Amino acid sequence: MLPPPFDLANTWKDSSSITPLIFVLSPGSDPLNALQKFGDLKKKTIEAVSLGQGQGEKAENAIKEAMKSGNWVVL
């Protein structure tokens, strides 16, 4: 039996400003396109930061800015 398809809109209802969505990805999966489309629908800007060497400060600044603006950060 296959699992049901992922429903971002329904999952989003369970999140809040203190309960973020966390995606555990398998190789080859990339939810960024779906998140960007959903962000457009919700009128949210999404900043994606690829974590790696030297990106910690950029990620921290993006999160701080998103806390003020209400927009989203994908790490």
N, C-alpha and C. Protein backbone atom coordinates (compact mmCIF):
# COMPACT_ATOMS: atom_id res chain seq x y z
N MET A 1 0.85 -1.17 0.00
CA MET A 1 0.00 0.00 0.00
C MET A 1 0.89 1.24 0.00
N LEU A 2 0.62 2.17 -0.86
CA LEU A 2 1.38 3.41 -0.95
C LEU A 2 0.87 4.43 0.06
N PRO A 3 1.78 5.24 0.60
CA PRO A 3 1.32 6.29 1.50
C PRO A 3 0.54 7.34 0.70
N PRO A 4 -0.34 8.08 1.37
CA PRO A 4 -1.10 9.10 0.66
C PRO A 4 -0.15 10.20 0.17
N PRO A 5 -0.52 10.90 -0.90
CA PRO A 5 0.34 12.00 -1.37
C PRO A 5 0.44 13.10 -0.32
N PHE A 6 1.59 13.74 -0.29
CA PHE A 6 1.81 14.81 0.68
C PHE A 6 0.92 16.00 0.36
N ASP A 7 0.23 16.52 1.36
CA ASP A 7 -0.69 17.66 1.21
C ASP A 7 -0.13 18.83 2.02
N LEU A 8 0.60 19.71 1.35
CA LEU A 8 1.25 20.84 2.03
C LEU A 8 0.23 21.77 2.67
N ALA A 9 -0.86 22.06 1.99
CA ALA A 9 -1.87 22.97 2.53
C ALA A 9 -2.45 22.43 3.83
N ASN A 10 -2.73 21.14 3.89
CA ASN A 10 -3.29 20.54 5.09
C ASN A 10 -2.25 20.50 6.22
N THR A 11 -1.01 20.18 5.87
CA THR A 11 0.06 20.14 6.86
C THR A 11 0.31 21.53 7.44
N TRP A 12 0.26 22.54 6.60
CA TRP A 12 0.50 23.93 7.01
C TRP A 12 -0.48 24.35 8.11
N LYS A 13 -1.68 23.83 8.08
CA LYS A 13 -2.69 24.16 9.10
C LYS A 13 -2.24 23.76 10.50
N ASP A 14 -1.36 22.77 10.59
CA ASP A 14 -0.87 22.29 11.88
C ASP A 14 0.34 23.07 12.38
N SER A 15 0.86 23.99 11.55
CA SER A 15 2.04 24.75 11.94
C SER A 15 1.63 26.09 12.55
N SER A 16 2.61 26.76 13.15
CA SER A 16 2.39 28.09 13.70
C SER A 16 3.74 28.80 13.77
N SER A 17 3.75 30.00 14.30
CA SER A 17 5.02 30.72 14.40
C SER A 17 5.98 30.04 15.37
N ILE A 18 5.47 29.19 16.25
CA ILE A 18 6.35 28.47 17.17
C ILE A 18 6.37 26.96 16.90
N THR A 19 5.64 26.52 15.88
CA THR A 19 5.64 25.13 15.47
C THR A 19 5.93 25.08 13.97
N PRO A 20 7.22 25.05 13.63
CA PRO A 20 7.58 25.09 12.20
C PRO A 20 7.34 23.75 11.52
N LEU A 21 7.32 23.79 10.20
CA LEU A 21 7.30 22.56 9.42
C LEU A 21 8.74 22.10 9.22
N ILE A 22 8.99 20.84 9.45
CA ILE A 22 10.31 20.26 9.24
C ILE A 22 10.15 19.11 8.26
N PHE A 23 10.92 19.15 7.19
CA PHE A 23 10.86 18.12 6.17
C PHE A 23 12.10 17.24 6.29
N VAL A 24 11.90 15.95 6.39
CA VAL A 24 13.00 14.99 6.36
C VAL A 24 13.00 14.43 4.95
N LEU A 25 14.05 14.73 4.21
CA LEU A 25 14.08 14.41 2.79
C LEU A 25 14.83 13.13 2.51
N SER A 26 14.40 12.46 1.48
CA SER A 26 15.13 11.30 0.98
C SER A 26 15.89 11.73 -0.28
N PRO A 27 16.89 10.98 -0.67
CA PRO A 27 17.66 11.37 -1.86
C PRO A 27 16.74 11.58 -3.07
N GLY A 28 16.97 12.69 -3.75
CA GLY A 28 16.19 12.99 -4.95
C GLY A 28 14.94 13.81 -4.70
N SER A 29 14.55 13.98 -3.46
CA SER A 29 13.34 14.77 -3.19
C SER A 29 13.73 16.22 -2.94
N ASP A 30 12.92 17.13 -3.43
CA ASP A 30 13.18 18.55 -3.26
C ASP A 30 11.85 19.29 -3.19
N PRO A 31 11.38 19.63 -2.00
CA PRO A 31 10.08 20.28 -1.85
C PRO A 31 10.10 21.78 -2.13
N LEU A 32 11.25 22.35 -2.49
CA LEU A 32 11.36 23.80 -2.61
C LEU A 32 10.39 24.38 -3.63
N ASN A 33 10.22 23.73 -4.78
CA ASN A 33 9.30 24.25 -5.78
C ASN A 33 7.87 24.30 -5.25
N ALA A 34 7.44 23.24 -4.58
CA ALA A 34 6.09 23.20 -4.00
C ALA A 34 5.95 24.27 -2.91
N LEU A 35 7.01 24.44 -2.10
CA LEU A 35 6.96 25.47 -1.05
C LEU A 35 6.87 26.88 -1.65
N GLN A 36 7.60 27.11 -2.75
CA GLN A 36 7.56 28.43 -3.37
C GLN A 36 6.17 28.72 -3.94
N LYS A 37 5.56 27.74 -4.57
CA LYS A 37 4.20 27.92 -5.10
C LYS A 37 3.21 28.17 -3.96
N PHE A 38 3.35 27.42 -2.88
CA PHE A 38 2.46 27.60 -1.73
C PHE A 38 2.70 28.96 -1.08
N GLY A 39 3.97 29.37 -0.99
CA GLY A 39 4.30 30.69 -0.46
C GLY A 39 3.68 31.80 -1.28
N ASP A 40 3.70 31.65 -2.61
CA ASP A 40 3.05 32.64 -3.48
C ASP A 40 1.56 32.72 -3.18
N LEU A 41 0.94 31.56 -2.99
CA LEU A 41 -0.48 31.51 -2.68
C LEU A 41 -0.78 32.23 -1.36
N LYS A 42 0.11 32.08 -0.39
CA LYS A 42 -0.07 32.70 0.93
C LYS A 42 0.54 34.10 1.00
N LYS A 43 1.07 34.59 -0.15
CA LYS A 43 1.70 35.92 -0.23
C LYS A 43 2.88 36.05 0.73
N LYS A 44 3.71 35.02 0.74
CA LYS A 44 4.92 34.98 1.57
C LYS A 44 6.14 34.91 0.68
N THR A 45 7.17 35.63 1.06
CA THR A 45 8.46 35.54 0.39
C THR A 45 9.25 34.43 1.07
N ILE A 46 9.92 33.62 0.28
CA ILE A 46 10.72 32.52 0.82
C ILE A 46 12.18 32.79 0.50
N GLU A 47 13.01 32.76 1.53
CA GLU A 47 14.46 32.84 1.32
C GLU A 47 15.04 31.48 1.62
N ALA A 48 15.73 30.92 0.64
CA ALA A 48 16.37 29.62 0.80
C ALA A 48 17.85 29.82 1.07
N VAL A 49 18.35 29.19 2.12
CA VAL A 49 19.76 29.25 2.47
C VAL A 49 20.27 27.81 2.53
N SER A 50 21.21 27.49 1.67
CA SER A 50 21.81 26.16 1.67
C SER A 50 22.89 26.13 2.74
N LEU A 51 22.65 25.36 3.78
CA LEU A 51 23.60 25.31 4.88
C LEU A 51 24.87 24.59 4.48
N GLY A 52 25.95 25.18 4.79
CA GLY A 52 27.26 24.63 4.48
C GLY A 52 28.29 25.54 5.10
N GLN A 53 29.50 25.36 4.70
CA GLN A 53 30.61 26.12 5.27
C GLN A 53 30.38 27.63 5.10
N GLY A 54 30.37 28.35 6.21
CA GLY A 54 30.26 29.80 6.19
C GLY A 54 28.86 30.34 6.02
N GLN A 55 27.84 29.49 6.00
CA GLN A 55 26.48 29.96 5.76
C GLN A 55 25.68 30.18 7.05
N GLY A 56 26.27 29.88 8.19
CA GLY A 56 25.55 30.01 9.47
C GLY A 56 25.07 31.42 9.73
N GLU A 57 25.92 32.40 9.50
CA GLU A 57 25.53 33.79 9.76
C GLU A 57 24.43 34.23 8.79
N LYS A 58 24.53 33.83 7.54
CA LYS A 58 23.49 34.17 6.55
C LYS A 58 22.15 33.55 6.97
N ALA A 59 22.18 32.31 7.42
CA ALA A 59 20.95 31.64 7.86
C ALA A 59 20.36 32.33 9.08
N GLU A 60 21.22 32.68 10.02
CA GLU A 60 20.76 33.35 11.24
C GLU A 60 20.12 34.70 10.90
N ASN A 61 20.74 35.46 10.02
CA ASN A 61 20.19 36.76 9.61
C ASN A 61 18.86 36.60 8.88
N ALA A 62 18.75 35.57 8.04
CA ALA A 62 17.50 35.32 7.32
C ALA A 62 16.38 34.99 8.30
N ILE A 63 16.69 34.19 9.30
CA ILE A 63 15.68 33.83 10.30
C ILE A 63 15.25 35.06 11.10
N LYS A 64 16.20 35.87 11.51
CA LYS A 64 15.86 37.08 12.27
C LYS A 64 14.97 38.01 11.46
N GLU A 65 15.30 38.17 10.17
CA GLU A 65 14.49 39.04 9.31
C GLU A 65 13.09 38.46 9.11
N ALA A 66 13.01 37.14 8.94
CA ALA A 66 11.71 36.50 8.75
C ALA A 66 10.85 36.60 10.01
N MET A 67 11.49 36.61 11.17
CA MET A 67 10.73 36.78 12.41
C MET A 67 10.05 38.15 12.44
N LYS A 68 10.68 39.14 11.85
CA LYS A 68 10.10 40.49 11.79
C LYS A 68 9.05 40.61 10.70
N SER A 69 9.35 40.04 9.54
CA SER A 69 8.50 40.25 8.36
C SER A 69 7.35 39.24 8.26
N GLY A 70 7.52 38.08 8.88
CA GLY A 70 6.51 37.03 8.75
C GLY A 70 6.71 36.16 7.52
N ASN A 71 7.79 36.40 6.79
CA ASN A 71 8.08 35.57 5.63
C ASN A 71 8.74 34.28 6.07
N TRP A 72 9.11 33.43 5.12
CA TRP A 72 9.58 32.09 5.42
C TRP A 72 11.04 31.90 5.05
N VAL A 73 11.73 31.04 5.79
CA VAL A 73 13.10 30.67 5.49
C VAL A 73 13.17 29.16 5.33
N VAL A 74 13.83 28.73 4.27
CA VAL A 74 14.07 27.30 4.04
C VAL A 74 15.57 27.08 4.21
N LEU A 75 15.93 26.20 5.12
CA LEU A 75 17.35 25.89 5.36
C LEU A 75 17.67 24.53 4.79
